[in-house]
Amino acid sequence: MSGKKKPDAISQEDWDAVDSPELTDDQLAAMRPADDVLPDVVDAYRKTRGQQKAPTKQQVTLRLDQDVVQHFKQDGAGWQTRINAALRTMITVDEKR
């Protein structure tokens, strides 16, 4: 593994213990696509959101009361989207005044 920079989170002992020889032609020929071998892992990975290609949202840090957060989290995933929708509704109401 010479020439590779050791990540800080890995001990030098662990780094030195790794032996990663190059794959042989037979090993490369025997490889299969990840979704054939580990379909659940690949499916879970594909469901995670990556970076936005055309950013439409802005990341912020916001402190909310615990009961407000719990209210939106009680229905599970998507709670931040539900908070955004509630805030959007307030904007629409204010604009109609």
PDB file of N, CA and C in Angstrom:
ATOM      1  N   MET A   1       0.829  -1.188   0.000  1.00  0.00           N
ATOM      2  CA  MET A   1       0.000   0.000   0.000  1.00  0.00           C
ATOM      3  C   MET A   1       0.874   1.252   0.000  1.00  0.00           C
ATOM      4  N   SER A   2       2.087   1.097  -0.430  1.00  0.00           N
ATOM      5  CA  SER A   2       2.972   2.253  -0.439  1.00  0.00           C
ATOM      6  C   SER A   2       2.462   3.299  -1.416  1.00  0.00           C
ATOM      7  N   GLY A   3       2.745   4.551  -1.100  1.00  0.00           N
ATOM      8  CA  GLY A   3       2.306   5.638  -1.963  1.00  0.00           C
ATOM      9  C   GLY A   3       0.934   6.179  -1.618  1.00  0.00           C
ATOM     10  N   LYS A   4       0.178   5.458  -0.835  1.00  0.00           N
ATOM     11  CA  LYS A   4      -1.163   5.908  -0.441  1.00  0.00           C
ATOM     12  C   LYS A   4      -1.072   6.634   0.888  1.00  0.00           C
ATOM     13  N   LYS A   5      -1.837   7.716   1.027  1.00  0.00           N
ATOM     14  CA  LYS A   5      -1.855   8.472   2.270  1.00  0.00           C
ATOM     15  C   LYS A   5      -2.768   7.775   3.279  1.00  0.00           C
ATOM     16  N   LYS A   6      -2.274   7.583   4.473  1.00  0.00           N
ATOM     17  CA  LYS A   6      -3.044   6.926   5.529  1.00  0.00           C
ATOM     18  C   LYS A   6      -4.060   7.901   6.095  1.00  0.00           C
ATOM     19  N   PRO A   7      -5.341   7.523   6.128  1.00  0.00           N
ATOM     20  CA  PRO A   7      -6.347   8.369   6.781  1.00  0.00           C
ATOM     21  C   PRO A   7      -6.062   8.477   8.275  1.00  0.00           C
ATOM     22  N   ASP A   8      -6.325   9.623   8.860  1.00  0.00           N
ATOM     23  CA  ASP A   8      -6.068   9.855  10.285  1.00  0.00           C
ATOM     24  C   ASP A   8      -6.839   8.900  11.189  1.00  0.00           C
ATOM     25  N   ALA A   9      -8.003   8.439  10.752  1.00  0.00           N
ATOM     26  CA  ALA A   9      -8.851   7.596  11.588  1.00  0.00           C
ATOM     27  C   ALA A   9      -8.348   6.154  11.688  1.00  0.00           C
ATOM     28  N   ILE A  10      -7.314   5.795  10.923  1.00  0.00           N
ATOM     29  CA  ILE A  10      -6.795   4.430  10.930  1.00  0.00           C
ATOM     30  C   ILE A  10      -5.424   4.429  11.594  1.00  0.00           C
ATOM     31  N   SER A  11      -5.227   3.471  12.492  1.00  0.00           N
ATOM     32  CA  SER A  11      -3.930   3.396  13.178  1.00  0.00           C
ATOM     33  C   SER A  11      -2.860   2.953  12.186  1.00  0.00           C
ATOM     34  N   GLN A  12      -1.621   3.334  12.462  1.00  0.00           N
ATOM     35  CA  GLN A  12      -0.510   2.929  11.597  1.00  0.00           C
ATOM     36  C   GLN A  12      -0.373   1.414  11.576  1.00  0.00           C
ATOM     37  N   GLU A  13      -0.613   0.774  12.725  1.00  0.00           N
ATOM     38  CA  GLU A  13      -0.530  -0.691  12.808  1.00  0.00           C
ATOM     39  C   GLU A  13      -1.546  -1.347  11.870  1.00  0.00           C
ATOM     40  N   ASP A  14      -2.790  -0.862  11.901  1.00  0.00           N
ATOM     41  CA  ASP A  14      -3.810  -1.409  11.004  1.00  0.00           C
ATOM     42  C   ASP A  14      -3.466  -1.125   9.547  1.00  0.00           C
ATOM     43  N   TRP A  15      -2.970   0.061   9.284  1.00  0.00           N
ATOM     44  CA  TRP A  15      -2.613   0.457   7.917  1.00  0.00           C
ATOM     45  C   TRP A  15      -1.515  -0.468   7.373  1.00  0.00           C
ATOM     46  N   ASP A  16      -0.522  -0.735   8.210  1.00  0.00           N
ATOM     47  CA  ASP A  16       0.589  -1.579   7.785  1.00  0.00           C
ATOM     48  C   ASP A  16       0.176  -3.039   7.616  1.00  0.00           C
ATOM     49  N   ALA A  17      -0.876  -3.476   8.322  1.00  0.00           N
ATOM     50  CA  ALA A  17      -1.310  -4.879   8.279  1.00  0.00           C
ATOM     51  C   ALA A  17      -2.087  -5.220   7.008  1.00  0.00           C
ATOM     52  N   VAL A  18      -2.538  -4.219   6.288  1.00  0.00           N
ATOM     53  CA  VAL A  18      -3.365  -4.467   5.101  1.00  0.00           C
ATOM     54  C   VAL A  18      -2.468  -4.838   3.925  1.00  0.00           C
ATOM     55  N   ASP A  19      -2.801  -5.944   3.299  1.00  0.00           N
ATOM     56  CA  ASP A  19      -2.086  -6.368   2.100  1.00  0.00           C
ATOM     57  C   ASP A  19      -3.120  -6.495   0.996  1.00  0.00           C
ATOM     58  N   SER A  20      -3.075  -5.605   0.046  1.00  0.00           N
ATOM     59  CA  SER A  20      -4.071  -5.599  -1.026  1.00  0.00           C
ATOM     60  C   SER A  20      -3.382  -5.802  -2.378  1.00  0.00           C
ATOM     61  N   PRO A  21      -3.135  -7.061  -2.731  1.00  0.00           N
ATOM     62  CA  PRO A  21      -2.496  -7.303  -4.029  1.00  0.00           C
ATOM     63  C   PRO A  21      -3.457  -6.958  -5.168  1.00  0.00           C
ATOM     64  N   GLU A  22      -2.911  -6.684  -6.336  1.00  0.00           N
ATOM     65  CA  GLU A  22      -3.752  -6.390  -7.499  1.00  0.00           C
ATOM     66  C   GLU A  22      -4.569  -7.623  -7.844  1.00  0.00           C
ATOM     67  N   LEU A  23      -5.755  -7.393  -8.394  1.00  0.00           N
ATOM     68  CA  LEU A  23      -6.618  -8.504  -8.790  1.00  0.00           C
ATOM     69  C   LEU A  23      -6.057  -9.178 -10.030  1.00  0.00           C
ATOM     70  N   THR A  24      -6.230 -10.490 -10.094  1.00  0.00           N
ATOM     71  CA  THR A  24      -5.773 -11.244 -11.271  1.00  0.00           C
ATOM     72  C   THR A  24      -6.825 -11.132 -12.372  1.00  0.00           C
ATOM     73  N   ASP A  25      -6.458 -11.523 -13.578  1.00  0.00           N
ATOM     74  CA  ASP A  25      -7.408 -11.522 -14.694  1.00  0.00           C
ATOM     75  C   ASP A  25      -8.592 -12.445 -14.413  1.00  0.00           C
ATOM     76  N   ASP A  26      -8.326 -13.599 -13.772  1.00  0.00           N
ATOM     77  CA  ASP A  26      -9.412 -14.528 -13.430  1.00  0.00           C
ATOM     78  C   ASP A  26     -10.375 -13.908 -12.419  1.00  0.00           C
ATOM     79  N   GLN A  27      -9.818 -13.199 -11.414  1.00  0.00           N
ATOM     80  CA  GLN A  27     -10.666 -12.538 -10.415  1.00  0.00           C
ATOM     81  C   GLN A  27     -11.512 -11.447 -11.067  1.00  0.00           C
ATOM     82  N   LEU A  28     -10.910 -10.676 -11.935  1.00  0.00           N
ATOM     83  CA  LEU A  28     -11.659  -9.625 -12.632  1.00  0.00           C
ATOM     84  C   LEU A  28     -12.769 -10.217 -13.494  1.00  0.00           C
ATOM     85  N   ALA A  29     -12.478 -11.328 -14.181  1.00  0.00           N
ATOM     86  CA  ALA A  29     -13.469 -11.971 -15.049  1.00  0.00           C
ATOM     87  C   ALA A  29     -14.632 -12.549 -14.240  1.00  0.00           C
ATOM     88  N   ALA A  30     -14.361 -12.951 -12.986  1.00  0.00           N
ATOM     89  CA  ALA A  30     -15.400 -13.554 -12.147  1.00  0.00           C
ATOM     90  C   ALA A  30     -16.280 -12.526 -11.450  1.00  0.00           C
ATOM     91  N   MET A  31     -15.920 -11.262 -11.531  1.00  0.00           N
ATOM     92  CA  MET A  31     -16.696 -10.226 -10.832  1.00  0.00           C
ATOM     93  C   MET A  31     -18.074 -10.068 -11.449  1.00  0.00           C
ATOM     94  N   ARG A  32     -19.026  -9.759 -10.552  1.00  0.00           N
ATOM     95  CA  ARG A  32     -20.406  -9.513 -10.973  1.00  0.00           C
ATOM     96  C   ARG A  32     -20.819  -8.139 -10.480  1.00  0.00           C
ATOM     97  N   PRO A  33     -21.830  -7.542 -11.108  1.00  0.00           N
ATOM     98  CA  PRO A  33     -22.294  -6.229 -10.652  1.00  0.00           C
ATOM     99  C   PRO A  33     -22.752  -6.288  -9.199  1.00  0.00           C
ATOM    100  N   ALA A  34     -22.529  -5.204  -8.486  1.00  0.00           N
ATOM    101  CA  ALA A  34     -22.875  -5.143  -7.067  1.00  0.00           C
ATOM    102  C   ALA A  34     -24.352  -5.438  -6.822  1.00  0.00           C
ATOM    103  N   ASP A  35     -25.242  -4.972  -7.703  1.00  0.00           N
ATOM    104  CA  ASP A  35     -26.662  -5.213  -7.445  1.00  0.00           C
ATOM    105  C   ASP A  35     -27.055  -6.673  -7.689  1.00  0.00           C
ATOM    106  N   ASP A  36     -26.196  -7.485  -8.331  1.00  0.00           N
ATOM    107  CA  ASP A  36     -26.438  -8.927  -8.417  1.00  0.00           C
ATOM    108  C   ASP A  36     -26.028  -9.613  -7.117  1.00  0.00           C
ATOM    109  N   VAL A  37     -24.965  -9.108  -6.482  1.00  0.00           N
ATOM    110  CA  VAL A  37     -24.400  -9.749  -5.307  1.00  0.00           C
ATOM    111  C   VAL A  37     -25.037  -9.250  -4.014  1.00  0.00           C
ATOM    112  N   LEU A  38     -25.251  -7.935  -3.910  1.00  0.00           N
ATOM    113  CA  LEU A  38     -25.790  -7.317  -2.693  1.00  0.00           C
ATOM    114  C   LEU A  38     -26.940  -6.369  -3.044  1.00  0.00           C
ATOM    115  N   PRO A  39     -28.051  -6.909  -3.562  1.00  0.00           N
ATOM    116  CA  PRO A  39     -29.131  -6.022  -4.025  1.00  0.00           C
ATOM    117  C   PRO A  39     -29.712  -5.123  -2.932  1.00  0.00           C
ATOM    118  N   ASP A  40     -29.793  -5.610  -1.691  1.00  0.00           N
ATOM    119  CA  ASP A  40     -30.345  -4.785  -0.608  1.00  0.00           C
ATOM    120  C   ASP A  40     -29.455  -3.593  -0.311  1.00  0.00           C
ATOM    121  N   VAL A  41     -28.151  -3.815  -0.307  1.00  0.00           N
ATOM    122  CA  VAL A  41     -27.205  -2.732  -0.029  1.00  0.00           C
ATOM    123  C   VAL A  41     -27.255  -1.690  -1.146  1.00  0.00           C
ATOM    124  N   VAL A  42     -27.265  -2.159  -2.385  1.00  0.00           N
ATOM    125  CA  VAL A  42     -27.303  -1.239  -3.525  1.00  0.00           C
ATOM    126  C   VAL A  42     -28.612  -0.450  -3.519  1.00  0.00           C
ATOM    127  N   ASP A  43     -29.716  -1.125  -3.222  1.00  0.00           N
ATOM    128  CA  ASP A  43     -31.011  -0.441  -3.187  1.00  0.00           C
ATOM    129  C   ASP A  43     -31.034   0.638  -2.107  1.00  0.00           C
ATOM    130  N   ALA A  44     -30.503   0.326  -0.934  1.00  0.00           N
ATOM    131  CA  ALA A  44     -30.450   1.307   0.160  1.00  0.00           C
ATOM    132  C   ALA A  44     -29.557   2.482  -0.235  1.00  0.00           C
ATOM    133  N   TYR A  45     -28.450   2.205  -0.887  1.00  0.00           N
ATOM    134  CA  TYR A  45     -27.529   3.263  -1.320  1.00  0.00           C
ATOM    135  C   TYR A  45     -28.199   4.186  -2.329  1.00  0.00           C
ATOM    136  N   ARG A  46     -28.925   3.609  -3.255  1.00  0.00           N
ATOM    137  CA  ARG A  46     -29.580   4.407  -4.294  1.00  0.00           C
ATOM    138  C   ARG A  46     -30.691   5.285  -3.728  1.00  0.00           C
ATOM    139  N   LYS A  47     -31.226   4.914  -2.567  1.00  0.00           N
ATOM    140  CA  LYS A  47     -32.299   5.707  -1.964  1.00  0.00           C
ATOM    141  C   LYS A  47     -31.772   6.910  -1.198  1.00  0.00           C
ATOM    142  N   THR A  48     -30.457   6.956  -0.955  1.00  0.00           N
ATOM    143  CA  THR A  48     -29.904   8.103  -0.257  1.00  0.00           C
ATOM    144  C   THR A  48     -29.758   9.254  -1.238  1.00  0.00           C
ATOM    145  N   ARG A  49     -29.918  10.415  -0.732  1.00  0.00           N
ATOM    146  CA  ARG A  49     -29.879  11.586  -1.586  1.00  0.00           C
ATOM    147  C   ARG A  49     -28.449  12.104  -1.685  1.00  0.00           C
ATOM    148  N   GLY A  50     -28.011  12.356  -2.873  1.00  0.00           N
ATOM    149  CA  GLY A  50     -26.689  12.922  -3.097  1.00  0.00           C
ATOM    150  C   GLY A  50     -26.785  14.438  -3.200  1.00  0.00           C
ATOM    151  N   GLN A  51     -25.715  15.034  -3.672  1.00  0.00           N
ATOM    152  CA  GLN A  51     -25.721  16.480  -3.835  1.00  0.00           C
ATOM    153  C   GLN A  51     -26.702  16.866  -4.932  1.00  0.00           C
ATOM    154  N   GLN A  52     -27.313  18.012  -4.760  1.00  0.00           N
ATOM    155  CA  GLN A  52     -28.245  18.516  -5.767  1.00  0.00           C
ATOM    156  C   GLN A  52     -27.463  18.945  -7.001  1.00  0.00           C
ATOM    157  N   LYS A  53     -27.965  18.548  -8.172  1.00  0.00           N
ATOM    158  CA  LYS A  53     -27.308  18.945  -9.415  1.00  0.00           C
ATOM    159  C   LYS A  53     -27.510  20.425  -9.676  1.00  0.00           C
ATOM    160  N   ALA A  54     -28.703  20.898  -9.415  1.00  0.00           N
ATOM    161  CA  ALA A  54     -29.014  22.319  -9.550  1.00  0.00           C
ATOM    162  C   ALA A  54     -29.612  22.750  -8.212  1.00  0.00           C
ATOM    163  N   PRO A  55     -28.777  23.201  -7.292  1.00  0.00           N
ATOM    164  CA  PRO A  55     -29.278  23.503  -5.944  1.00  0.00           C
ATOM    165  C   PRO A  55     -30.484  24.435  -5.960  1.00  0.00           C
ATOM    166  N   THR A  56     -31.534  23.979  -5.307  1.00  0.00           N
ATOM    167  CA  THR A  56     -32.740  24.782  -5.193  1.00  0.00           C
ATOM    168  C   THR A  56     -33.036  25.099  -3.730  1.00  0.00           C
ATOM    169  N   LYS A  57     -32.317  24.441  -2.849  1.00  0.00           N
ATOM    170  CA  LYS A  57     -32.541  24.656  -1.424  1.00  0.00           C
ATOM    171  C   LYS A  57     -31.262  25.143  -0.778  1.00  0.00           C
ATOM    172  N   GLN A  58     -31.413  25.807   0.343  1.00  0.00           N
ATOM    173  CA  GLN A  58     -30.270  26.328   1.079  1.00  0.00           C
ATOM    174  C   GLN A  58     -30.209  25.636   2.429  1.00  0.00           C
ATOM    175  N   GLN A  59     -29.035  25.120   2.763  1.00  0.00           N
ATOM    176  CA  GLN A  59     -28.865  24.475   4.056  1.00  0.00           C
ATOM    177  C   GLN A  59     -28.717  25.544   5.128  1.00  0.00           C
ATOM    178  N   VAL A  60     -29.477  25.376   6.220  1.00  0.00           N
ATOM    179  CA  VAL A  60     -29.418  26.318   7.338  1.00  0.00           C
ATOM    180  C   VAL A  60     -29.383  25.545   8.644  1.00  0.00           C
ATOM    181  N   THR A  61     -28.967  26.217   9.688  1.00  0.00           N
ATOM    182  CA  THR A  61     -29.066  25.671  11.034  1.00  0.00           C
ATOM    183  C   THR A  61     -30.187  26.434  11.719  1.00  0.00           C
ATOM    184  N   LEU A  62     -31.119  25.705  12.279  1.00  0.00           N
ATOM    185  CA  LEU A  62     -32.305  26.318  12.851  1.00  0.00           C
ATOM    186  C   LEU A  62     -32.613  25.646  14.178  1.00  0.00           C
ATOM    187  N   ARG A  63     -32.811  26.424  15.216  1.00  0.00           N
ATOM    188  CA  ARG A  63     -33.167  25.861  16.521  1.00  0.00           C
ATOM    189  C   ARG A  63     -34.682  25.961  16.698  1.00  0.00           C
ATOM    190  N   LEU A  64     -35.291  24.819  16.946  1.00  0.00           N
ATOM    191  CA  LEU A  64     -36.739  24.749  17.130  1.00  0.00           C
ATOM    192  C   LEU A  64     -37.041  24.149  18.490  1.00  0.00           C
ATOM    193  N   ASP A  65     -38.204  24.449  19.021  1.00  0.00           N
ATOM    194  CA  ASP A  65     -38.628  23.840  20.277  1.00  0.00           C
ATOM    195  C   ASP A  65     -38.756  22.327  20.078  1.00  0.00           C
ATOM    196  N   GLN A  66     -38.452  21.583  21.155  1.00  0.00           N
ATOM    197  CA  GLN A  66     -38.469  20.124  21.069  1.00  0.00           C
ATOM    198  C   GLN A  66     -39.828  19.578  20.655  1.00  0.00           C
ATOM    199  N   ASP A  67     -40.895  20.169  21.171  1.00  0.00           N
ATOM    200  CA  ASP A  67     -42.223  19.657  20.841  1.00  0.00           C
ATOM    201  C   ASP A  67     -42.559  19.883  19.370  1.00  0.00           C
ATOM    202  N   VAL A  68     -42.040  20.944  18.791  1.00  0.00           N
ATOM    203  CA  VAL A  68     -42.264  21.206  17.359  1.00  0.00           C
ATOM    204  C   VAL A  68     -41.556  20.135  16.537  1.00  0.00           C
ATOM    205  N   VAL A  69     -40.315  19.860  16.876  1.00  0.00           N
ATOM    206  CA  VAL A  69     -39.556  18.847  16.144  1.00  0.00           C
ATOM    207  C   VAL A  69     -40.227  17.481  16.294  1.00  0.00           C
ATOM    208  N   GLN A  70     -40.623  17.122  17.507  1.00  0.00           N
ATOM    209  CA  GLN A  70     -41.275  15.833  17.736  1.00  0.00           C
ATOM    210  C   GLN A  70     -42.570  15.707  16.940  1.00  0.00           C
ATOM    211  N   HIS A  71     -43.311  16.803  16.845  1.00  0.00           N
ATOM    212  CA  HIS A  71     -44.557  16.788  16.072  1.00  0.00           C
ATOM    213  C   HIS A  71     -44.296  16.369  14.630  1.00  0.00           C
ATOM    214  N   PHE A  72     -43.255  16.946  14.027  1.00  0.00           N
ATOM    215  CA  PHE A  72     -42.965  16.636  12.630  1.00  0.00           C
ATOM    216  C   PHE A  72     -42.278  15.283  12.470  1.00  0.00           C
ATOM    217  N   LYS A  73     -41.497  14.860  13.454  1.00  0.00           N
ATOM    218  CA  LYS A  73     -40.802  13.577  13.379  1.00  0.00           C
ATOM    219  C   LYS A  73     -41.718  12.387  13.643  1.00  0.00           C
ATOM    220  N   GLN A  74     -42.855  12.607  14.276  1.00  0.00           N
ATOM    221  CA  GLN A  74     -43.708  11.485  14.669  1.00  0.00           C
ATOM    222  C   GLN A  74     -44.205  10.668  13.483  1.00  0.00           C
ATOM    223  N   ASP A  75     -44.242  11.269  12.311  1.00  0.00           N
ATOM    224  CA  ASP A  75     -44.686  10.540  11.122  1.00  0.00           C
ATOM    225  C   ASP A  75     -43.517   9.928  10.346  1.00  0.00           C
ATOM    226  N   GLY A  76     -42.312  10.001  10.910  1.00  0.00           N
ATOM    227  CA  GLY A  76     -41.170   9.324  10.299  1.00  0.00           C
ATOM    228  C   GLY A  76     -40.399  10.189   9.316  1.00  0.00           C
ATOM    229  N   ALA A  77     -39.749   9.505   8.385  1.00  0.00           N
ATOM    230  CA  ALA A  77     -38.886  10.162   7.403  1.00  0.00           C
ATOM    231  C   ALA A  77     -39.656  11.248   6.648  1.00  0.00           C
ATOM    232  N   GLY A  78     -38.928  12.270   6.260  1.00  0.00           N
ATOM    233  CA  GLY A  78     -39.544  13.373   5.531  1.00  0.00           C
ATOM    234  C   GLY A  78     -39.964  14.520   6.420  1.00  0.00           C
ATOM    235  N   TRP A  79     -39.575  14.485   7.689  1.00  0.00           N
ATOM    236  CA  TRP A  79     -40.026  15.522   8.623  1.00  0.00           C
ATOM    237  C   TRP A  79     -39.500  16.895   8.248  1.00  0.00           C
ATOM    238  N   GLN A  80     -38.304  16.979   7.695  1.00  0.00           N
ATOM    239  CA  GLN A  80     -37.776  18.284   7.298  1.00  0.00           C
ATOM    240  C   GLN A  80     -38.565  18.842   6.116  1.00  0.00           C
ATOM    241  N   THR A  81     -38.968  17.968   5.221  1.00  0.00           N
ATOM    242  CA  THR A  81     -39.799  18.381   4.086  1.00  0.00           C
ATOM    243  C   THR A  81     -41.148  18.885   4.580  1.00  0.00           C
ATOM    244  N   ARG A  82     -41.694  18.227   5.614  1.00  0.00           N
ATOM    245  CA  ARG A  82     -42.982  18.668   6.163  1.00  0.00           C
ATOM    246  C   ARG A  82     -42.844  20.029   6.845  1.00  0.00           C
ATOM    247  N   ILE A  83     -41.726  20.274   7.521  1.00  0.00           N
ATOM    248  CA  ILE A  83     -41.502  21.596   8.117  1.00  0.00           C
ATOM    249  C   ILE A  83     -41.421  22.640   7.013  1.00  0.00           C
ATOM    250  N   ASN A  84     -40.715  22.327   5.939  1.00  0.00           N
ATOM    251  CA  ASN A  84     -40.611  23.255   4.812  1.00  0.00           C
ATOM    252  C   ASN A  84     -41.992  23.570   4.242  1.00  0.00           C
ATOM    253  N   ALA A  85     -42.830  22.540   4.102  1.00  0.00           N
ATOM    254  CA  ALA A  85     -44.180  22.746   3.566  1.00  0.00           C
ATOM    255  C   ALA A  85     -45.013  23.625   4.499  1.00  0.00           C
ATOM    256  N   ALA A  86     -44.871  23.415   5.812  1.00  0.00           N
ATOM    257  CA  ALA A  86     -45.620  24.231   6.772  1.00  0.00           C
ATOM    258  C   ALA A  86     -45.172  25.688   6.695  1.00  0.00           C
ATOM    259  N   LEU A  87     -43.886  25.904   6.576  1.00  0.00           N
ATOM    260  CA  LEU A  87     -43.387  27.283   6.453  1.00  0.00           C
ATOM    261  C   LEU A  87     -43.858  27.912   5.145  1.00  0.00           C
ATOM    262  N   ARG A  88     -43.876  27.140   4.072  1.00  0.00           N
ATOM    263  CA  ARG A  88     -44.362  27.642   2.784  1.00  0.00           C
ATOM    264  C   ARG A  88     -45.835  28.042   2.880  1.00  0.00           C
ATOM    265  N   THR A  89     -46.614  27.243   3.608  1.00  0.00           N
ATOM    266  CA  THR A  89     -48.028  27.569   3.805  1.00  0.00           C
ATOM    267  C   THR A  89     -48.159  28.911   4.520  1.00  0.00           C
ATOM    268  N   MET A  90     -47.321  29.149   5.520  1.00  0.00           N
ATOM    269  CA  MET A  90     -47.354  30.426   6.236  1.00  0.00           C
ATOM    270  C   MET A  90     -47.030  31.596   5.307  1.00  0.00           C
ATOM    271  N   ILE A  91     -46.071  31.388   4.407  1.00  0.00           N
ATOM    272  CA  ILE A  91     -45.737  32.453   3.447  1.00  0.00           C
ATOM    273  C   ILE A  91     -46.934  32.754   2.565  1.00  0.00           C
ATOM    274  N   THR A  92     -47.592  31.698   2.088  1.00  0.00           N
ATOM    275  CA  THR A  92     -48.748  31.873   1.207  1.00  0.00           C
ATOM    276  C   THR A  92     -49.869  32.621   1.937  1.00  0.00           C
ATOM    277  N   VAL A  93     -50.106  32.262   3.187  1.00  0.00           N
ATOM    278  CA  VAL A  93     -51.136  32.933   3.997  1.00  0.00           C
ATOM    279  C   VAL A  93     -50.781  34.408   4.161  1.00  0.00           C
ATOM    280  N   ASP A  94     -49.518  34.701   4.479  1.00  0.00           N
ATOM    281  CA  ASP A  94     -49.086  36.087   4.659  1.00  0.00           C
ATOM    282  C   ASP A  94     -49.224  36.890   3.362  1.00  0.00           C
ATOM    283  N   GLU A  95     -48.939  36.277   2.237  1.00  0.00           N
ATOM    284  CA  GLU A  95     -49.025  36.989   0.964  1.00  0.00           C
ATOM    285  C   GLU A  95     -50.462  37.322   0.597  1.00  0.00           C
ATOM    286  N   LYS A  96     -51.426  36.551   1.093  1.00  0.00           N
ATOM    287  CA  LYS A  96     -52.838  36.782   0.770  1.00  0.00           C
ATOM    288  C   LYS A  96     -53.441  37.878   1.625  1.00  0.00           C
ATOM    289  N   ARG A  97     -52.741  38.300   2.681  1.00  0.00           N
ATOM    290  CA  ARG A  97     -53.270  39.326   3.577  1.00  0.00           C
ATOM    291  C   ARG A  97     -53.237  40.694   2.927  1.00  0.00           C
TER     292      ARG A  97
END
